[in-house]
Amino acid sequence: MFADERLYQSATVRQGLARTNRTKGGKMPATQEAPLLLSVEAAANAAGVSRSVFYEKLLAGEVASVKIGRRRLVARKSLEEYVERLLEQAAG
């Protein structure tokens, strides 16, 4: 390893660019399950809308959410059901 490579690697580690989800042996896990609960920001991104628009949907009761501690989270199933309702409304 050259000095330049060590410098680059240490810089990327400090910046958090080298973080990965690896097992103890350094290998990637075979399967990675989708999380059951999403942050509001992640749910908004998945739905393709802004965070503020998604909060409006939450306040209107169009999408169900839970609160754990101080965090507001959206169940993946709730998001999928919301999208299905939108598709049904668009079709009929």
Protein backbone atom coordinates (compact mmCIF):
# COMPACT_ATOMS: atom_id res chain seq x y z
CA MET A 1 0.00 0.00 0.00
CA PHE A 2 1.34 3.38 -0.94
CA ALA A 3 1.30 6.37 1.36
CA ASP A 4 -1.27 8.07 -0.88
CA GLU A 5 -3.62 5.10 -0.55
CA ARG A 6 -3.31 5.08 3.25
CA LEU A 7 -4.03 8.79 3.35
CA TYR A 8 -7.06 8.35 1.09
CA GLN A 9 -8.39 5.41 3.11
CA SER A 10 -7.99 7.21 6.42
CA ALA A 11 -9.72 10.29 4.97
CA THR A 12 -12.65 8.25 3.66
CA VAL A 13 -13.03 6.48 6.98
CA ARG A 14 -13.06 9.81 8.82
CA GLN A 15 -15.67 11.15 6.44
CA GLY A 16 -17.82 8.05 6.85
CA LEU A 17 -17.54 7.11 3.20
CA ALA A 18 -16.09 3.68 3.86
CA ARG A 19 -18.89 2.43 6.11
CA THR A 20 -20.73 -0.62 4.87
CA ASN A 21 -23.06 -3.22 6.33
CA ARG A 22 -20.63 -6.06 6.67
CA THR A 23 -20.71 -9.14 8.85
CA LYS A 24 -17.94 -9.95 11.32
CA GLY A 25 -15.95 -11.79 8.64
CA GLY A 26 -16.00 -8.71 6.39
CA LYS A 27 -18.47 -10.16 3.88
CA MET A 28 -21.71 -8.57 2.79
CA PRO A 29 -24.83 -10.26 4.22
CA ALA A 30 -26.57 -12.63 1.81
CA THR A 31 -29.95 -10.92 2.13
CA GLN A 32 -30.86 -7.61 3.61
CA GLU A 33 -34.47 -7.23 4.67
CA ALA A 34 -36.30 -3.95 4.24
CA PRO A 35 -37.01 -2.20 7.55
CA LEU A 36 -40.55 -2.49 8.92
CA LEU A 37 -40.60 1.13 10.06
CA LEU A 38 -39.38 4.09 8.03
CA SER A 39 -38.54 7.60 9.11
CA VAL A 40 -40.88 10.25 7.74
CA GLU A 41 -38.13 11.43 5.42
CA ALA A 42 -37.48 7.91 4.08
CA ALA A 43 -41.22 7.29 3.63
CA ALA A 44 -41.58 10.60 1.79
CA ASN A 45 -38.67 9.69 -0.48
CA ALA A 46 -40.20 6.26 -1.15
CA ALA A 47 -43.53 7.91 -2.04
CA GLY A 48 -41.81 10.49 -4.22
CA VAL A 49 -43.07 13.54 -2.34
CA SER A 50 -41.47 16.16 -0.14
CA ARG A 51 -41.25 15.72 3.62
CA SER A 52 -43.69 18.58 4.23
CA VAL A 53 -46.28 17.10 1.85
CA PHE A 54 -45.90 13.75 3.58
CA TYR A 55 -46.42 15.38 6.99
CA GLU A 56 -49.66 16.84 5.63
CA LYS A 57 -50.77 13.32 4.68
CA LEU A 58 -49.92 12.12 8.19
CA LEU A 59 -51.85 14.96 9.84
CA ALA A 60 -54.85 14.32 7.59
CA GLY A 61 -54.82 10.66 8.64
CA GLU A 62 -54.21 9.42 5.10
CA VAL A 63 -51.10 7.53 6.21
CA ALA A 64 -50.82 5.85 9.60
CA SER A 65 -47.73 6.38 11.74
CA VAL A 66 -46.41 5.49 15.17
CA LYS A 67 -44.31 7.39 17.62
CA ILE A 68 -41.43 5.67 19.37
CA GLY A 69 -39.74 7.96 21.83
CA ARG A 70 -39.39 11.27 20.01
CA ARG A 71 -39.37 9.74 16.53
CA ARG A 72 -42.37 9.58 14.19
CA LEU A 73 -42.17 6.42 12.08
CA VAL A 74 -44.27 5.05 9.23
CA ALA A 75 -44.89 1.33 8.81
CA ARG A 76 -43.91 0.10 5.37
CA LYS A 77 -47.28 -1.69 5.16
CA SER A 78 -49.11 1.58 5.90
CA LEU A 79 -47.23 3.30 3.09
CA GLU A 80 -48.00 0.47 0.68
CA GLU A 81 -51.71 0.60 1.61
CA TYR A 82 -51.76 4.35 1.00
CA VAL A 83 -50.25 3.90 -2.46
CA GLU A 84 -52.78 1.14 -3.24
CA ARG A 85 -55.64 3.48 -2.28
CA LEU A 86 -54.21 6.17 -4.56
CA LEU A 87 -54.01 3.68 -7.44
CA GLU A 88 -57.61 2.56 -6.83
CA GLN A 89 -58.81 6.18 -6.82
CA ALA A 90 -56.96 6.86 -10.05
CA ALA A 91 -58.39 3.78 -11.74
CA GLY A 92 -61.98 4.20 -10.67
